[in-house]
PDB file of N, CA and C in Angstrom:
ATOM      1  N   UNK A   1     128.201 257.381  63.510  1.00  0.00           N
ATOM      2  CA  UNK A   1     128.610 256.992  62.176  1.00  0.00           C
ATOM      3  C   UNK A   1     128.292 258.126  61.210  1.00  0.00           C
ATOM      4  N   UNK A   2     129.266 258.576  60.479  1.00  0.00           N
ATOM      5  CA  UNK A   2     129.070 259.645  59.503  1.00  0.00           C
ATOM      6  C   UNK A   2     128.512 259.074  58.209  1.00  0.00           C
ATOM      7  N   UNK A   3     127.701 259.874  57.553  1.00  0.00           N
ATOM      8  CA  UNK A   3     127.162 259.457  56.259  1.00  0.00           C
ATOM      9  C   UNK A   3     127.522 260.510  55.223  1.00  0.00           C
ATOM     10  N   UNK A   4     127.605 260.079  53.985  1.00  0.00           N
ATOM     11  CA  UNK A   4     127.911 260.984  52.878  1.00  0.00           C
ATOM     12  C   UNK A   4     126.646 261.737  52.488  1.00  0.00           C
ATOM     13  N   UNK A   5     126.733 263.043  52.407  1.00  0.00           N
ATOM     14  CA  UNK A   5     125.601 263.857  52.005  1.00  0.00           C
ATOM     15  C   UNK A   5     125.361 263.715  50.509  1.00  0.00           C
ATOM     16  N   UNK A   6     124.096 263.738  50.113  1.00  0.00           N
ATOM     17  CA  UNK A   6     123.755 263.716  48.694  1.00  0.00           C
ATOM     18  C   UNK A   6     123.822 265.118  48.109  1.00  0.00           C
ATOM     19  N   UNK A   7     124.041 266.110  48.948  1.00  0.00           N
ATOM     20  CA  UNK A   7     124.149 267.494  48.495  1.00  0.00           C
ATOM     21  C   UNK A   7     125.629 267.859  48.477  1.00  0.00           C
ATOM     22  N   UNK A   8     126.169 268.183  47.297  1.00  0.00           N
ATOM     23  CA  UNK A   8     127.599 268.463  47.216  1.00  0.00           C
ATOM     24  C   UNK A   8     128.016 269.625  48.117  1.00  0.00           C
ATOM     25  N   UNK A   9     129.084 269.413  48.857  1.00  0.00           N
ATOM     26  CA  UNK A   9     129.625 270.466  49.703  1.00  0.00           C
ATOM     27  C   UNK A   9     129.024 270.548  51.098  1.00  0.00           C
ATOM     28  N   UNK A  10     127.909 269.877  51.344  1.00  0.00           N
ATOM     29  CA  UNK A  10     127.269 269.940  52.663  1.00  0.00           C
ATOM     30  C   UNK A  10     127.983 268.991  53.613  1.00  0.00           C
ATOM     31  N   UNK A  11     128.588 269.563  54.662  1.00  0.00           N
ATOM     32  CA  UNK A  11     129.279 268.748  55.658  1.00  0.00           C
ATOM     33  C   UNK A  11     128.298 268.243  56.715  1.00  0.00           C
ATOM     34  N   UNK A  12     127.517 269.178  57.263  1.00  0.00           N
ATOM     35  CA  UNK A  12     126.561 268.809  58.303  1.00  0.00           C
ATOM     36  C   UNK A  12     125.551 269.925  58.520  1.00  0.00           C
ATOM     37  N   UNK A  13     124.464 269.561  59.158  1.00  0.00           N
ATOM     38  CA  UNK A  13     123.454 270.527  59.602  1.00  0.00           C
ATOM     39  C   UNK A  13     123.306 270.312  61.103  1.00  0.00           C
ATOM     40  N   UNK A  14     123.369 271.395  61.855  1.00  0.00           N
ATOM     41  CA  UNK A  14     123.177 271.264  63.287  1.00  0.00           C
ATOM     42  C   UNK A  14     122.363 272.441  63.814  1.00  0.00           C
ATOM     43  N   UNK A  15     121.900 272.267  65.037  1.00  0.00           N
ATOM     44  CA  UNK A  15     121.026 273.237  65.685  1.00  0.00           C
ATOM     45  C   UNK A  15     121.812 273.968  66.767  1.00  0.00           C
ATOM     46  N   UNK A  16     121.600 275.281  66.859  1.00  0.00           N
ATOM     47  CA  UNK A  16     122.210 276.089  67.911  1.00  0.00           C
ATOM     48  C   UNK A  16     121.128 276.901  68.606  1.00  0.00           C
ATOM     49  N   UNK A  17     121.295 277.101  69.902  1.00  0.00           N
ATOM     50  CA  UNK A  17     120.391 277.953  70.658  1.00  0.00           C
ATOM     51  C   UNK A  17     121.208 279.113  71.212  1.00  0.00           C
ATOM     52  N   UNK A  18     120.732 280.341  70.961  1.00  0.00           N
ATOM     53  CA  UNK A  18     121.475 281.509  71.449  1.00  0.00           C
ATOM     54  C   UNK A  18     121.065 281.844  72.876  1.00  0.00           C
ATOM     55  N   UNK A  19     121.650 282.880  73.438  1.00  0.00           N
ATOM     56  CA  UNK A  19     121.406 283.276  74.832  1.00  0.00           C
ATOM     57  C   UNK A  19     119.947 283.662  75.078  1.00  0.00           C
ATOM     58  N   UNK A  20     119.259 284.120  74.024  1.00  0.00           N
ATOM     59  CA  UNK A  20     117.847 284.499  74.149  1.00  0.00           C
ATOM     60  C   UNK A  20     116.902 283.313  74.010  1.00  0.00           C
ATOM     61  N   UNK A  21     117.461 282.117  73.806  1.00  0.00           N
ATOM     62  CA  UNK A  21     116.641 280.924  73.670  1.00  0.00           C
ATOM     63  C   UNK A  21     116.142 280.681  72.258  1.00  0.00           C
ATOM     64  N   UNK A  22     116.601 281.481  71.295  1.00  0.00           N
ATOM     65  CA  UNK A  22     116.193 281.290  69.900  1.00  0.00           C
ATOM     66  C   UNK A  22     117.037 280.184  69.278  1.00  0.00           C
ATOM     67  N   UNK A  23     116.392 279.350  68.501  1.00  0.00           N
ATOM     68  CA  UNK A  23     117.074 278.246  67.843  1.00  0.00           C
ATOM     69  C   UNK A  23     117.292 278.578  66.381  1.00  0.00           C
ATOM     70  N   UNK A  24     118.451 278.183  65.867  1.00  0.00           N
ATOM     71  CA  UNK A  24     118.730 278.344  64.443  1.00  0.00           C
ATOM     72  C   UNK A  24     119.410 277.083  63.945  1.00  0.00           C
ATOM     73  N   UNK A  25     119.258 276.824  62.667  1.00  0.00           N
ATOM     74  CA  UNK A  25     119.913 275.702  62.032  1.00  0.00           C
ATOM     75  C   UNK A  25     121.132 276.215  61.282  1.00  0.00           C
ATOM     76  N   UNK A  26     122.246 275.543  61.462  1.00  0.00           N
ATOM     77  CA  UNK A  26     123.490 275.927  60.814  1.00  0.00           C
ATOM     78  C   UNK A  26     123.813 274.883  59.752  1.00  0.00           C
ATOM     79  N   UNK A  27     124.038 275.352  58.522  1.00  0.00           N
ATOM     80  CA  UNK A  27     124.439 274.492  57.421  1.00  0.00           C
ATOM     81  C   UNK A  27     125.939 274.678  57.244  1.00  0.00           C
ATOM     82  N   UNK A  28     126.712 273.661  57.587  1.00  0.00           N
ATOM     83  CA  UNK A  28     128.169 273.742  57.445  1.00  0.00           C
ATOM     84  C   UNK A  28     128.531 273.250  56.043  1.00  0.00           C
ATOM     85  N   UNK A  29     129.135 274.154  55.260  1.00  0.00           N
ATOM     86  CA  UNK A  29     129.434 273.886  53.853  1.00  0.00           C
ATOM     87  C   UNK A  29     130.945 273.918  53.653  1.00  0.00           C
ATOM     88  N   UNK A  30     131.450 272.947  52.909  1.00  0.00           N
ATOM     89  CA  UNK A  30     132.869 272.895  52.558  1.00  0.00           C
ATOM     90  C   UNK A  30     133.194 274.096  51.671  1.00  0.00           C
ATOM     91  N   UNK A  31     134.120 274.938  52.104  1.00  0.00           N
ATOM     92  CA  UNK A  31     134.477 276.144  51.349  1.00  0.00           C
ATOM     93  C   UNK A  31     134.885 275.835  49.914  1.00  0.00           C
ATOM     94  N   UNK A  32     135.575 274.723  49.718  1.00  0.00           N
ATOM     95  CA  UNK A  32     136.049 274.360  48.377  1.00  0.00           C
ATOM     96  C   UNK A  32     134.928 273.904  47.455  1.00  0.00           C
ATOM     97  N   UNK A  33     133.766 273.602  48.019  1.00  0.00           N
ATOM     98  CA  UNK A  33     132.653 273.094  47.204  1.00  0.00           C
ATOM     99  C   UNK A  33     131.392 273.950  47.334  1.00  0.00           C
ATOM    100  N   UNK A  34     131.527 275.158  47.852  1.00  0.00           N
ATOM    101  CA  UNK A  34     130.350 275.996  48.079  1.00  0.00           C
ATOM    102  C   UNK A  34     129.638 276.342  46.772  1.00  0.00           C
ATOM    103  N   UNK A  35     130.382 276.529  45.683  1.00  0.00           N
ATOM    104  CA  UNK A  35     129.737 276.806  44.395  1.00  0.00           C
ATOM    105  C   UNK A  35     128.824 275.653  43.980  1.00  0.00           C
ATOM    106  N   UNK A  36     129.292 274.414  44.190  1.00  0.00           N
ATOM    107  CA  UNK A  36     128.482 273.233  43.870  1.00  0.00           C
ATOM    108  C   UNK A  36     127.236 273.181  44.749  1.00  0.00           C
ATOM    109  N   UNK A  37     127.414 273.540  46.022  1.00  0.00           N
ATOM    110  CA  UNK A  37     126.287 273.518  46.952  1.00  0.00           C
ATOM    111  C   UNK A  37     125.176 274.454  46.481  1.00  0.00           C
ATOM    112  N   UNK A  38     125.515 275.699  46.201  1.00  0.00           N
ATOM    113  CA  UNK A  38     124.503 276.662  45.782  1.00  0.00           C
ATOM    114  C   UNK A  38     123.921 276.296  44.415  1.00  0.00           C
ATOM    115  N   UNK A  39     124.758 275.786  43.515  1.00  0.00           N
ATOM    116  CA  UNK A  39     124.280 275.385  42.186  1.00  0.00           C
ATOM    117  C   UNK A  39     123.260 274.253  42.280  1.00  0.00           C
ATOM    118  N   UNK A  40     123.399 273.392  43.275  1.00  0.00           N
ATOM    119  CA  UNK A  40     122.463 272.272  43.475  1.00  0.00           C
ATOM    120  C   UNK A  40     121.037 272.783  43.647  1.00  0.00           C
ATOM    121  N   UNK A  41     120.900 273.985  44.163  1.00  0.00           N
ATOM    122  CA  UNK A  41     119.584 274.585  44.393  1.00  0.00           C
ATOM    123  C   UNK A  41     119.235 275.648  43.361  1.00  0.00           C
ATOM    124  N   UNK A  42     120.043 275.748  42.299  1.00  0.00           N
ATOM    125  CA  UNK A  42     119.775 276.723  41.243  1.00  0.00           C
ATOM    126  C   UNK A  42     120.084 278.150  41.642  1.00  0.00           C
ATOM    127  N   UNK A  43     120.988 278.319  42.602  1.00  0.00           N
ATOM    128  CA  UNK A  43     121.337 279.645  43.110  1.00  0.00           C
ATOM    129  C   UNK A  43     122.735 280.035  42.670  1.00  0.00           C
ATOM    130  N   UNK A  44     122.997 281.325  42.677  1.00  0.00           N
ATOM    131  CA  UNK A  44     124.335 281.835  42.396  1.00  0.00           C
ATOM    132  C   UNK A  44     125.223 281.552  43.610  1.00  0.00           C
ATOM    133  N   UNK A  45     126.516 281.337  43.384  1.00  0.00           N
ATOM    134  CA  UNK A  45     127.423 281.091  44.509  1.00  0.00           C
ATOM    135  C   UNK A  45     127.306 282.179  45.578  1.00  0.00           C
ATOM    136  N   UNK A  46     127.176 281.751  46.821  1.00  0.00           N
ATOM    137  CA  UNK A  46     127.106 282.683  47.942  1.00  0.00           C
ATOM    138  C   UNK A  46     125.756 283.325  48.191  1.00  0.00           C
ATOM    139  N   UNK A  47     124.719 282.895  47.459  1.00  0.00           N
ATOM    140  CA  UNK A  47     123.383 283.498  47.615  1.00  0.00           C
ATOM    141  C   UNK A  47     122.709 282.956  48.878  1.00  0.00           C
ATOM    142  N   UNK A  48     123.194 283.427  50.020  1.00  0.00           N
ATOM    143  CA  UNK A  48     122.661 282.952  51.295  1.00  0.00           C
ATOM    144  C   UNK A  48     121.202 283.345  51.493  1.00  0.00           C
ATOM    145  N   UNK A  49     120.821 284.520  51.034  1.00  0.00           N
ATOM    146  CA  UNK A  49     119.419 284.957  51.164  1.00  0.00           C
ATOM    147  C   UNK A  49     118.502 284.060  50.342  1.00  0.00           C
ATOM    148  N   UNK A  50     118.933 283.706  49.143  1.00  0.00           N
ATOM    149  CA  UNK A  50     118.144 282.807  48.300  1.00  0.00           C
ATOM    150  C   UNK A  50     118.016 281.432  48.930  1.00  0.00           C
ATOM    151  N   UNK A  51     119.105 280.939  49.517  1.00  0.00           N
ATOM    152  CA  UNK A  51     119.068 279.636  50.175  1.00  0.00           C
ATOM    153  C   UNK A  51     118.155 279.682  51.395  1.00  0.00           C
ATOM    154  N   UNK A  52     118.247 280.771  52.155  1.00  0.00           N
ATOM    155  CA  UNK A  52     117.373 280.923  53.329  1.00  0.00           C
ATOM    156  C   UNK A  52     115.906 280.896  52.911  1.00  0.00           C
ATOM    157  N   UNK A  53     115.574 281.558  51.821  1.00  0.00           N
ATOM    158  CA  UNK A  53     114.192 281.567  51.328  1.00  0.00           C
ATOM    159  C   UNK A  53     113.735 280.156  50.951  1.00  0.00           C
ATOM    160  N   UNK A  54     114.633 279.373  50.324  1.00  0.00           N
ATOM    161  CA  UNK A  54     114.296 277.988  49.968  1.00  0.00           C
ATOM    162  C   UNK A  54     114.042 277.135  51.203  1.00  0.00           C
ATOM    163  N   UNK A  55     114.876 277.307  52.224  1.00  0.00           N
ATOM    164  CA  UNK A  55     114.714 276.533  53.458  1.00  0.00           C
ATOM    165  C   UNK A  55     113.399 276.894  54.142  1.00  0.00           C
ATOM    166  N   UNK A  56     113.089 278.178  54.211  1.00  0.00           N
ATOM    167  CA  UNK A  56     111.831 278.613  54.835  1.00  0.00           C
ATOM    168  C   UNK A  56     110.638 278.060  54.073  1.00  0.00           C
ATOM    169  N   UNK A  57     110.695 278.106  52.745  1.00  0.00           N
ATOM    170  CA  UNK A  57     109.604 277.559  51.932  1.00  0.00           C
ATOM    171  C   UNK A  57     109.452 276.056  52.173  1.00  0.00           C
ATOM    172  N   UNK A  58     110.573 275.337  52.245  1.00  0.00           N
ATOM    173  CA  UNK A  58     110.515 273.897  52.486  1.00  0.00           C
ATOM    174  C   UNK A  58     109.899 273.586  53.850  1.00  0.00           C
ATOM    175  N   UNK A  59     110.274 274.344  54.865  1.00  0.00           N
ATOM    176  CA  UNK A  59     109.710 274.133  56.204  1.00  0.00           C
ATOM    177  C   UNK A  59     108.216 274.431  56.201  1.00  0.00           C
ATOM    178  N   UNK A  60     107.818 275.535  55.579  1.00  0.00           N
ATOM    179  CA  UNK A  60     106.393 275.876  55.507  1.00  0.00           C
ATOM    180  C   UNK A  60     105.594 274.793  54.783  1.00  0.00           C
ATOM    181  N   UNK A  61     106.136 274.270  53.688  1.00  0.00           N
ATOM    182  CA  UNK A  61     105.456 273.204  52.952  1.00  0.00           C
ATOM    183  C   UNK A  61     105.353 271.943  53.800  1.00  0.00           C
ATOM    184  N   UNK A  62     106.401 271.641  54.552  1.00  0.00           N
ATOM    185  CA  UNK A  62     106.388 270.470  55.420  1.00  0.00           C
ATOM    186  C   UNK A  62     105.319 270.619  56.501  1.00  0.00           C
ATOM    187  N   UNK A  63     105.250 271.803  57.108  1.00  0.00           N
ATOM    188  CA  UNK A  63     104.274 272.056  58.175  1.00  0.00           C
ATOM    189  C   UNK A  63     102.846 271.958  57.624  1.00  0.00           C
ATOM    190  N   UNK A  64     102.653 272.444  56.404  1.00  0.00           N
ATOM    191  CA  UNK A  64     101.330 272.399  55.778  1.00  0.00           C
ATOM    192  C   UNK A  64     100.971 270.991  55.309  1.00  0.00           C
ATOM    193  N   UNK A  65     101.957 270.085  55.279  1.00  0.00           N
ATOM    194  CA  UNK A  65     101.681 268.706  54.899  1.00  0.00           C
ATOM    195  C   UNK A  65     101.681 268.451  53.407  1.00  0.00           C
ATOM    196  N   UNK A  66     102.325 269.290  52.643  1.00  0.00           N
ATOM    197  CA  UNK A  66     102.359 269.073  51.201  1.00  0.00           C
ATOM    198  C   UNK A  66     103.359 269.984  50.545  1.00  0.00           C
ATOM    199  N   UNK A  67     103.315 269.992  49.235  1.00  0.00           N
ATOM    200  CA  UNK A  67     104.186 270.881  48.494  1.00  0.00           C
ATOM    201  C   UNK A  67     103.373 271.581  47.423  1.00  0.00           C
ATOM    202  N   UNK A  68     103.943 272.675  46.901  1.00  0.00           N
ATOM    203  CA  UNK A  68     103.253 273.448  45.883  1.00  0.00           C
ATOM    204  C   UNK A  68     103.414 272.816  44.533  1.00  0.00           C
TER     205      UNK A  68
END
């Protein structure tokens, strides 16, 4: 059953494993709504590096059991 994302433009998040056994998370974003997606996080359209930094910070905060 599909659910509607609360983040505009986000279609899905899935996990991929490459040939070396490394895992990565893929954020599938609707091309027509990518500006809305990045704006939701206070980023400029297409700022993939900024989004990556936010995701890493969120994971680190989750692992530490809290937020800043």
